């Protein structure tokens, strides 16, 4: 695995430092917002293997790694009006 600065999701990118939404695990109720800390890509295939984030439910923020499928981009304005954690 190699670290990269960004990866493409549809027409947009998810970059290190962006605020993202982590979808809830199957059988759980709520997802949460977090900040992307690292993106790891398989050097052979170029597929995103995992995304490391910092955040979590209130009072339980931590570093965690998730598969790409659980990460959603949060809309952010160009002038930096997006909420940063």
PDB file of N, CA and C in Angstrom:
ATOM      1  N   UNK A   1       0.838  -1.186   0.000  1.00  0.00           N
ATOM      2  CA  UNK A   1       0.000   0.000   0.000  1.00  0.00           C
ATOM      3  C   UNK A   1       0.881   1.248   0.000  1.00  0.00           C
ATOM      4  N   UNK A   2       0.459   2.220  -0.774  1.00  0.00           N
ATOM      5  CA  UNK A   2       1.159   3.496  -0.847  1.00  0.00           C
ATOM      6  C   UNK A   2       0.189   4.617  -0.487  1.00  0.00           C
ATOM      7  N   UNK A   3       0.687   5.653   0.145  1.00  0.00           N
ATOM      8  CA  UNK A   3      -0.154   6.791   0.502  1.00  0.00           C
ATOM      9  C   UNK A   3      -0.237   7.757  -0.668  1.00  0.00           C
ATOM     10  N   UNK A   4      -1.439   8.305  -0.876  1.00  0.00           N
ATOM     11  CA  UNK A   4      -1.659   9.327  -1.898  1.00  0.00           C
ATOM     12  C   UNK A   4      -2.367  10.514  -1.250  1.00  0.00           C
ATOM     13  N   UNK A   5      -2.425  11.641  -1.969  1.00  0.00           N
ATOM     14  CA  UNK A   5      -3.038  12.853  -1.427  1.00  0.00           C
ATOM     15  C   UNK A   5      -4.529  12.962  -1.716  1.00  0.00           C
ATOM     16  N   UNK A   6      -5.009  12.246  -2.768  1.00  0.00           N
ATOM     17  CA  UNK A   6      -6.414  12.371  -3.138  1.00  0.00           C
ATOM     18  C   UNK A   6      -6.842  11.187  -3.992  1.00  0.00           C
ATOM     19  N   UNK A   7      -8.157  11.000  -4.097  1.00  0.00           N
ATOM     20  CA  UNK A   7      -8.718  10.046  -5.040  1.00  0.00           C
ATOM     21  C   UNK A   7     -10.035  10.578  -5.551  1.00  0.00           C
ATOM     22  N   UNK A   8     -10.417  10.107  -6.715  1.00  0.00           N
ATOM     23  CA  UNK A   8     -11.590  10.643  -7.395  1.00  0.00           C
ATOM     24  C   UNK A   8     -12.849   9.856  -7.037  1.00  0.00           C
ATOM     25  N   UNK A   9     -13.938  10.593  -6.784  1.00  0.00           N
ATOM     26  CA  UNK A   9     -15.256  10.017  -6.532  1.00  0.00           C
ATOM     27  C   UNK A   9     -16.214  10.720  -7.477  1.00  0.00           C
ATOM     28  N   UNK A  10     -16.616  10.054  -8.537  1.00  0.00           N
ATOM     29  CA  UNK A  10     -17.486  10.698  -9.527  1.00  0.00           C
ATOM     30  C   UNK A  10     -16.773  11.872 -10.167  1.00  0.00           C
ATOM     31  N   UNK A  11     -17.361  13.069 -10.065  1.00  0.00           N
ATOM     32  CA  UNK A  11     -16.744  14.269 -10.635  1.00  0.00           C
ATOM     33  C   UNK A  11     -15.838  14.981  -9.643  1.00  0.00           C
ATOM     34  N   UNK A  12     -15.815  14.558  -8.403  1.00  0.00           N
ATOM     35  CA  UNK A  12     -15.090  15.263  -7.342  1.00  0.00           C
ATOM     36  C   UNK A  12     -13.947  14.425  -6.785  1.00  0.00           C
ATOM     37  N   UNK A  13     -13.138  15.061  -5.956  1.00  0.00           N
ATOM     38  CA  UNK A  13     -12.031  14.382  -5.284  1.00  0.00           C
ATOM     39  C   UNK A  13     -12.255  14.382  -3.782  1.00  0.00           C
ATOM     40  N   UNK A  14     -11.735  13.368  -3.127  1.00  0.00           N
ATOM     41  CA  UNK A  14     -11.614  13.366  -1.673  1.00  0.00           C
ATOM     42  C   UNK A  14     -10.134  13.500  -1.406  1.00  0.00           C
ATOM     43  N   UNK A  15      -9.764  14.534  -0.632  1.00  0.00           N
ATOM     44  CA  UNK A  15      -8.355  14.839  -0.381  1.00  0.00           C
ATOM     45  C   UNK A  15      -8.033  14.699   1.102  1.00  0.00           C
ATOM     46  N   UNK A  16      -6.754  14.551   1.398  1.00  0.00           N
ATOM     47  CA  UNK A  16      -6.296  14.554   2.787  1.00  0.00           C
ATOM     48  C   UNK A  16      -6.648  15.914   3.370  1.00  0.00           C
ATOM     49  N   UNK A  17      -7.270  15.937   4.547  1.00  0.00           N
ATOM     50  CA  UNK A  17      -7.687  17.177   5.189  1.00  0.00           C
ATOM     51  C   UNK A  17      -9.150  17.505   4.981  1.00  0.00           C
ATOM     52  N   UNK A  18      -9.831  16.833   4.039  1.00  0.00           N
ATOM     53  CA  UNK A  18     -11.253  17.088   3.805  1.00  0.00           C
ATOM     54  C   UNK A  18     -12.103  16.501   4.918  1.00  0.00           C
ATOM     55  N   UNK A  19     -13.239  17.122   5.158  1.00  0.00           N
ATOM     56  CA  UNK A  19     -14.230  16.575   6.080  1.00  0.00           C
ATOM     57  C   UNK A  19     -15.105  15.629   5.268  1.00  0.00           C
ATOM     58  N   UNK A  20     -15.291  14.412   5.758  1.00  0.00           N
ATOM     59  CA  UNK A  20     -16.098  13.410   5.080  1.00  0.00           C
ATOM     60  C   UNK A  20     -17.127  12.846   6.052  1.00  0.00           C
ATOM     61  N   UNK A  21     -18.091  12.152   5.510  1.00  0.00           N
ATOM     62  CA  UNK A  21     -19.069  11.448   6.343  1.00  0.00           C
ATOM     63  C   UNK A  21     -18.772   9.963   6.237  1.00  0.00           C
ATOM     64  N   UNK A  22     -18.651   9.302   7.380  1.00  0.00           N
ATOM     65  CA  UNK A  22     -18.440   7.866   7.423  1.00  0.00           C
ATOM     66  C   UNK A  22     -19.810   7.229   7.629  1.00  0.00           C
ATOM     67  N   UNK A  23     -20.217   6.378   6.682  1.00  0.00           N
ATOM     68  CA  UNK A  23     -21.521   5.727   6.773  1.00  0.00           C
ATOM     69  C   UNK A  23     -21.537   4.765   7.955  1.00  0.00           C
ATOM     70  N   UNK A  24     -22.723   4.582   8.516  1.00  0.00           N
ATOM     71  CA  UNK A  24     -22.900   3.660   9.640  1.00  0.00           C
ATOM     72  C   UNK A  24     -22.646   2.222   9.185  1.00  0.00           C
ATOM     73  N   UNK A  25     -22.106   1.420  10.073  1.00  0.00           N
ATOM     74  CA  UNK A  25     -21.884   0.001   9.796  1.00  0.00           C
ATOM     75  C   UNK A  25     -23.234  -0.696   9.695  1.00  0.00           C
ATOM     76  N   UNK A  26     -23.305  -1.793   8.955  1.00  0.00           N
ATOM     77  CA  UNK A  26     -24.576  -2.517   8.863  1.00  0.00           C
ATOM     78  C   UNK A  26     -25.096  -2.879  10.254  1.00  0.00           C
ATOM     79  N   UNK A  27     -26.371  -2.586  10.491  1.00  0.00           N
ATOM     80  CA  UNK A  27     -26.975  -2.875  11.785  1.00  0.00           C
ATOM     81  C   UNK A  27     -26.825  -1.753  12.803  1.00  0.00           C
ATOM     82  N   UNK A  28     -26.063  -0.730  12.465  1.00  0.00           N
ATOM     83  CA  UNK A  28     -25.885   0.414  13.370  1.00  0.00           C
ATOM     84  C   UNK A  28     -26.759   1.566  12.890  1.00  0.00           C
ATOM     85  N   UNK A  29     -26.980   2.554  13.777  1.00  0.00           N
ATOM     86  CA  UNK A  29     -27.885   3.635  13.459  1.00  0.00           C
ATOM     87  C   UNK A  29     -27.254   4.821  12.757  1.00  0.00           C
ATOM     88  N   UNK A  30     -26.185   5.362  13.309  1.00  0.00           N
ATOM     89  CA  UNK A  30     -25.670   6.645  12.833  1.00  0.00           C
ATOM     90  C   UNK A  30     -24.253   6.554  12.312  1.00  0.00           C
ATOM     91  N   UNK A  31     -23.990   7.333  11.264  1.00  0.00           N
ATOM     92  CA  UNK A  31     -22.628   7.539  10.811  1.00  0.00           C
ATOM     93  C   UNK A  31     -22.075   8.750  11.553  1.00  0.00           C
ATOM     94  N   UNK A  32     -20.929   9.256  11.089  1.00  0.00           N
ATOM     95  CA  UNK A  32     -20.350  10.428  11.739  1.00  0.00           C
ATOM     96  C   UNK A  32     -19.457  11.167  10.767  1.00  0.00           C
ATOM     97  N   UNK A  33     -19.140  12.416  11.111  1.00  0.00           N
ATOM     98  CA  UNK A  33     -18.220  13.214  10.306  1.00  0.00           C
ATOM     99  C   UNK A  33     -16.813  13.064  10.847  1.00  0.00           C
ATOM    100  N   UNK A  34     -15.828  13.110   9.939  1.00  0.00           N
ATOM    101  CA  UNK A  34     -14.437  12.949  10.331  1.00  0.00           C
ATOM    102  C   UNK A  34     -13.553  13.655   9.307  1.00  0.00           C
ATOM    103  N   UNK A  35     -12.290  13.854   9.650  1.00  0.00           N
ATOM    104  CA  UNK A  35     -11.308  14.475   8.764  1.00  0.00           C
ATOM    105  C   UNK A  35     -10.381  13.404   8.212  1.00  0.00           C
ATOM    106  N   UNK A  36     -10.151  13.437   6.899  1.00  0.00           N
ATOM    107  CA  UNK A  36      -9.274  12.453   6.257  1.00  0.00           C
ATOM    108  C   UNK A  36      -7.832  12.729   6.655  1.00  0.00           C
ATOM    109  N   UNK A  37      -7.138  11.707   7.172  1.00  0.00           N
ATOM    110  CA  UNK A  37      -5.736  11.828   7.592  1.00  0.00           C
ATOM    111  C   UNK A  37      -4.790  11.188   6.587  1.00  0.00           C
ATOM    112  N   UNK A  38      -5.190  10.081   5.954  1.00  0.00           N
ATOM    113  CA  UNK A  38      -4.343   9.381   4.990  1.00  0.00           C
ATOM    114  C   UNK A  38      -5.218   8.549   4.059  1.00  0.00           C
ATOM    115  N   UNK A  39      -4.743   8.380   2.828  1.00  0.00           N
ATOM    116  CA  UNK A  39      -5.426   7.551   1.839  1.00  0.00           C
ATOM    117  C   UNK A  39      -4.399   6.538   1.346  1.00  0.00           C
ATOM    118  N   UNK A  40      -4.719   5.252   1.459  1.00  0.00           N
ATOM    119  CA  UNK A  40      -3.784   4.197   1.061  1.00  0.00           C
ATOM    120  C   UNK A  40      -4.314   3.473  -0.169  1.00  0.00           C
ATOM    121  N   UNK A  41      -3.437   3.342  -1.179  1.00  0.00           N
ATOM    122  CA  UNK A  41      -3.798   2.759  -2.466  1.00  0.00           C
ATOM    123  C   UNK A  41      -2.920   1.545  -2.730  1.00  0.00           C
ATOM    124  N   UNK A  42      -3.502   0.516  -3.319  1.00  0.00           N
ATOM    125  CA  UNK A  42      -2.731  -0.665  -3.725  1.00  0.00           C
ATOM    126  C   UNK A  42      -1.829  -0.247  -4.881  1.00  0.00           C
ATOM    127  N   UNK A  43      -0.520  -0.381  -4.717  1.00  0.00           N
ATOM    128  CA  UNK A  43       0.411   0.110  -5.736  1.00  0.00           C
ATOM    129  C   UNK A  43       0.326  -0.660  -7.041  1.00  0.00           C
ATOM    130  N   UNK A  44      -0.123  -1.914  -7.002  1.00  0.00           N
ATOM    131  CA  UNK A  44      -0.223  -2.723  -8.208  1.00  0.00           C
ATOM    132  C   UNK A  44      -1.455  -2.379  -9.034  1.00  0.00           C
ATOM    133  N   UNK A  45      -2.619  -2.300  -8.377  1.00  0.00           N
ATOM    134  CA  UNK A  45      -3.871  -2.083  -9.097  1.00  0.00           C
ATOM    135  C   UNK A  45      -4.311  -0.625  -9.139  1.00  0.00           C
ATOM    136  N   UNK A  46      -3.869   0.192  -8.170  1.00  0.00           N
ATOM    137  CA  UNK A  46      -4.275   1.588  -8.114  1.00  0.00           C
ATOM    138  C   UNK A  46      -5.613   1.809  -7.426  1.00  0.00           C
ATOM    139  N   UNK A  47      -6.198   0.756  -6.856  1.00  0.00           N
ATOM    140  CA  UNK A  47      -7.475   0.877  -6.149  1.00  0.00           C
ATOM    141  C   UNK A  47      -7.246   1.354  -4.716  1.00  0.00           C
ATOM    142  N   UNK A  48      -8.176   2.178  -4.233  1.00  0.00           N
ATOM    143  CA  UNK A  48      -8.097   2.675  -2.859  1.00  0.00           C
ATOM    144  C   UNK A  48      -8.381   1.512  -1.911  1.00  0.00           C
ATOM    145  N   UNK A  49      -7.425   1.223  -1.037  1.00  0.00           N
ATOM    146  CA  UNK A  49      -7.572   0.121  -0.097  1.00  0.00           C
ATOM    147  C   UNK A  49      -8.248   0.553   1.181  1.00  0.00           C
ATOM    148  N   UNK A  50      -7.797   1.669   1.756  1.00  0.00           N
ATOM    149  CA  UNK A  50      -8.407   2.160   2.988  1.00  0.00           C
ATOM    150  C   UNK A  50      -8.185   3.653   3.132  1.00  0.00           C
ATOM    151  N   UNK A  51      -9.073   4.271   3.902  1.00  0.00           N
ATOM    152  CA  UNK A  51      -9.004   5.702   4.180  1.00  0.00           C
ATOM    153  C   UNK A  51      -8.927   5.851   5.691  1.00  0.00           C
ATOM    154  N   UNK A  52      -7.866   6.509   6.172  1.00  0.00           N
ATOM    155  CA  UNK A  52      -7.715   6.736   7.613  1.00  0.00           C
ATOM    156  C   UNK A  52      -8.300   8.093   7.939  1.00  0.00           C
ATOM    157  N   UNK A  53      -9.160   8.128   8.970  1.00  0.00           N
ATOM    158  CA  UNK A  53      -9.820   9.371   9.365  1.00  0.00           C
ATOM    159  C   UNK A  53      -9.617   9.628  10.847  1.00  0.00           C
ATOM    160  N   UNK A  54      -9.839  10.889  11.249  1.00  0.00           N
ATOM    161  CA  UNK A  54      -9.868  11.244  12.666  1.00  0.00           C
ATOM    162  C   UNK A  54     -11.209  11.877  12.933  1.00  0.00           C
ATOM    163  N   UNK A  55     -11.949  11.303  13.852  1.00  0.00           N
ATOM    164  CA  UNK A  55     -13.256  11.827  14.204  1.00  0.00           C
ATOM    165  C   UNK A  55     -14.077  10.733  14.843  1.00  0.00           C
ATOM    166  N   UNK A  56     -15.341  10.982  14.962  1.00  0.00           N
ATOM    167  CA  UNK A  56     -16.229   9.995  15.538  1.00  0.00           C
ATOM    168  C   UNK A  56     -17.329  10.646  16.320  1.00  0.00           C
ATOM    169  N   UNK A  57     -18.151   9.824  16.939  1.00  0.00           N
ATOM    170  CA  UNK A  57     -19.239  10.371  17.751  1.00  0.00           C
ATOM    171  C   UNK A  57     -18.678  11.267  18.856  1.00  0.00           C
ATOM    172  N   UNK A  58     -19.500  12.198  19.297  1.00  0.00           N
ATOM    173  CA  UNK A  58     -19.066  13.150  20.326  1.00  0.00           C
ATOM    174  C   UNK A  58     -18.458  12.443  21.526  1.00  0.00           C
ATOM    175  N   UNK A  59     -17.288  12.883  21.935  1.00  0.00           N
ATOM    176  CA  UNK A  59     -16.615  12.314  23.094  1.00  0.00           C
ATOM    177  C   UNK A  59     -15.851  11.033  22.818  1.00  0.00           C
ATOM    178  N   UNK A  60     -15.904  10.539  21.574  1.00  0.00           N
ATOM    179  CA  UNK A  60     -15.214   9.288  21.251  1.00  0.00           C
ATOM    180  C   UNK A  60     -14.367   9.409  19.984  1.00  0.00           C
ATOM    181  N   UNK A  61     -13.874  10.599  19.699  1.00  0.00           N
ATOM    182  CA  UNK A  61     -13.069  10.813  18.499  1.00  0.00           C
ATOM    183  C   UNK A  61     -11.788   9.994  18.577  1.00  0.00           C
ATOM    184  N   UNK A  62     -11.397   9.407  17.434  1.00  0.00           N
ATOM    185  CA  UNK A  62     -10.199   8.562  17.389  1.00  0.00           C
ATOM    186  C   UNK A  62      -9.745   8.423  15.945  1.00  0.00           C
ATOM    187  N   UNK A  63      -8.535   7.890  15.747  1.00  0.00           N
ATOM    188  CA  UNK A  63      -8.046   7.541  14.420  1.00  0.00           C
ATOM    189  C   UNK A  63      -8.633   6.190  14.057  1.00  0.00           C
ATOM    190  N   UNK A  64      -9.210   6.096  12.876  1.00  0.00           N
ATOM    191  CA  UNK A  64      -9.795   4.836  12.412  1.00  0.00           C
ATOM    192  C   UNK A  64      -9.575   4.690  10.923  1.00  0.00           C
ATOM    193  N   UNK A  65      -9.554   3.454  10.443  1.00  0.00           N
ATOM    194  CA  UNK A  65      -9.415   3.177   9.011  1.00  0.00           C
ATOM    195  C   UNK A  65     -10.681   2.509   8.502  1.00  0.00           C
ATOM    196  N   UNK A  66     -11.123   2.939   7.312  1.00  0.00           N
ATOM    197  CA  UNK A  66     -12.327   2.399   6.707  1.00  0.00           C
ATOM    198  C   UNK A  66     -12.087   2.097   5.240  1.00  0.00           C
ATOM    199  N   UNK A  67     -12.903   1.213   4.689  1.00  0.00           N
ATOM    200  CA  UNK A  67     -12.871   0.939   3.255  1.00  0.00           C
ATOM    201  C   UNK A  67     -13.505   2.115   2.522  1.00  0.00           C
ATOM    202  N   UNK A  68     -13.156   2.263   1.285  1.00  0.00           N
ATOM    203  CA  UNK A  68     -13.631   3.373   0.461  1.00  0.00           C
ATOM    204  C   UNK A  68     -15.162   3.457   0.410  1.00  0.00           C
ATOM    205  N   UNK A  69     -15.845   2.335   0.432  1.00  0.00           N
ATOM    206  CA  UNK A  69     -17.299   2.302   0.301  1.00  0.00           C
ATOM    207  C   UNK A  69     -18.017   2.994   1.457  1.00  0.00           C
ATOM    208  N   UNK A  70     -17.380   3.094   2.604  1.00  0.00           N
ATOM    209  CA  UNK A  70     -18.018   3.699   3.783  1.00  0.00           C
ATOM    210  C   UNK A  70     -17.805   5.211   3.859  1.00  0.00           C
ATOM    211  N   UNK A  71     -17.013   5.775   2.945  1.00  0.00           N
ATOM    212  CA  UNK A  71     -16.676   7.197   2.981  1.00  0.00           C
ATOM    213  C   UNK A  71     -17.510   7.955   1.954  1.00  0.00           C
ATOM    214  N   UNK A  72     -18.145   9.053   2.387  1.00  0.00           N
ATOM    215  CA  UNK A  72     -18.901   9.935   1.496  1.00  0.00           C
ATOM    216  C   UNK A  72     -18.325  11.334   1.568  1.00  0.00           C
ATOM    217  N   UNK A  73     -18.320  11.997   0.446  1.00  0.00           N
ATOM    218  CA  UNK A  73     -17.839  13.373   0.399  1.00  0.00           C
ATOM    219  C   UNK A  73     -18.901  14.302   0.973  1.00  0.00           C
ATOM    220  N   UNK A  74     -18.486  15.308   1.731  1.00  0.00           N
ATOM    221  CA  UNK A  74     -19.376  16.341   2.268  1.00  0.00           C
ATOM    222  C   UNK A  74     -19.154  17.591   1.428  1.00  0.00           C
ATOM    223  N   UNK A  75     -20.236  18.197   0.953  1.00  0.00           N
ATOM    224  CA  UNK A  75     -20.121  19.399   0.136  1.00  0.00           C
ATOM    225  C   UNK A  75     -19.441  20.509   0.933  1.00  0.00           C
ATOM    226  N   UNK A  76     -18.490  21.176   0.284  1.00  0.00           N
ATOM    227  CA  UNK A  76     -17.765  22.278   0.916  1.00  0.00           C
ATOM    228  C   UNK A  76     -17.706  23.442  -0.060  1.00  0.00           C
ATOM    229  N   UNK A  77     -17.786  24.664   0.481  1.00  0.00           N
ATOM    230  CA  UNK A  77     -17.740  25.833  -0.379  1.00  0.00           C
ATOM    231  C   UNK A  77     -16.300  26.147  -0.751  1.00  0.00           C
ATOM    232  N   UNK A  78     -16.138  26.903  -1.820  1.00  0.00           N
ATOM    233  CA  UNK A  78     -14.798  27.262  -2.285  1.00  0.00           C
ATOM    234  C   UNK A  78     -14.078  28.195  -1.316  1.00  0.00           C
ATOM    235  N   UNK A  79     -14.820  29.006  -0.573  1.00  0.00           N
ATOM    236  CA  UNK A  79     -14.172  29.985   0.299  1.00  0.00           C
ATOM    237  C   UNK A  79     -13.801  29.393   1.661  1.00  0.00           C
ATOM    238  N   UNK A  80     -13.854  28.081   1.779  1.00  0.00           N
ATOM    239  CA  UNK A  80     -13.433  27.470   3.038  1.00  0.00           C
ATOM    240  C   UNK A  80     -14.500  27.459   4.103  1.00  0.00           C
ATOM    241  N   UNK A  81     -15.762  27.622   3.697  1.00  0.00           N
ATOM    242  CA  UNK A  81     -16.851  27.664   4.662  1.00  0.00           C
ATOM    243  C   UNK A  81     -17.210  26.301   5.227  1.00  0.00           C
ATOM    244  N   UNK A  82     -16.586  25.219   4.721  1.00  0.00           N
ATOM    245  CA  UNK A  82     -16.881  23.886   5.243  1.00  0.00           C
ATOM    246  C   UNK A  82     -16.407  23.740   6.676  1.00  0.00           C
ATOM    247  N   UNK A  83     -17.103  22.931   7.431  1.00  0.00           N
ATOM    248  CA  UNK A  83     -16.753  22.725   8.841  1.00  0.00           C
ATOM    249  C   UNK A  83     -15.532  21.824   8.952  1.00  0.00           C
ATOM    250  N   UNK A  84     -14.541  22.250   9.674  1.00  0.00           N
ATOM    251  CA  UNK A  84     -13.329  21.463   9.890  1.00  0.00           C
ATOM    252  C   UNK A  84     -13.330  20.928  11.306  1.00  0.00           C
ATOM    253  N   UNK A  85     -12.882  19.708  11.476  1.00  0.00           N
ATOM    254  CA  UNK A  85     -12.816  19.117  12.816  1.00  0.00           C
ATOM    255  C   UNK A  85     -11.436  19.269  13.390  1.00  0.00           C
TER     256      UNK A  85
END
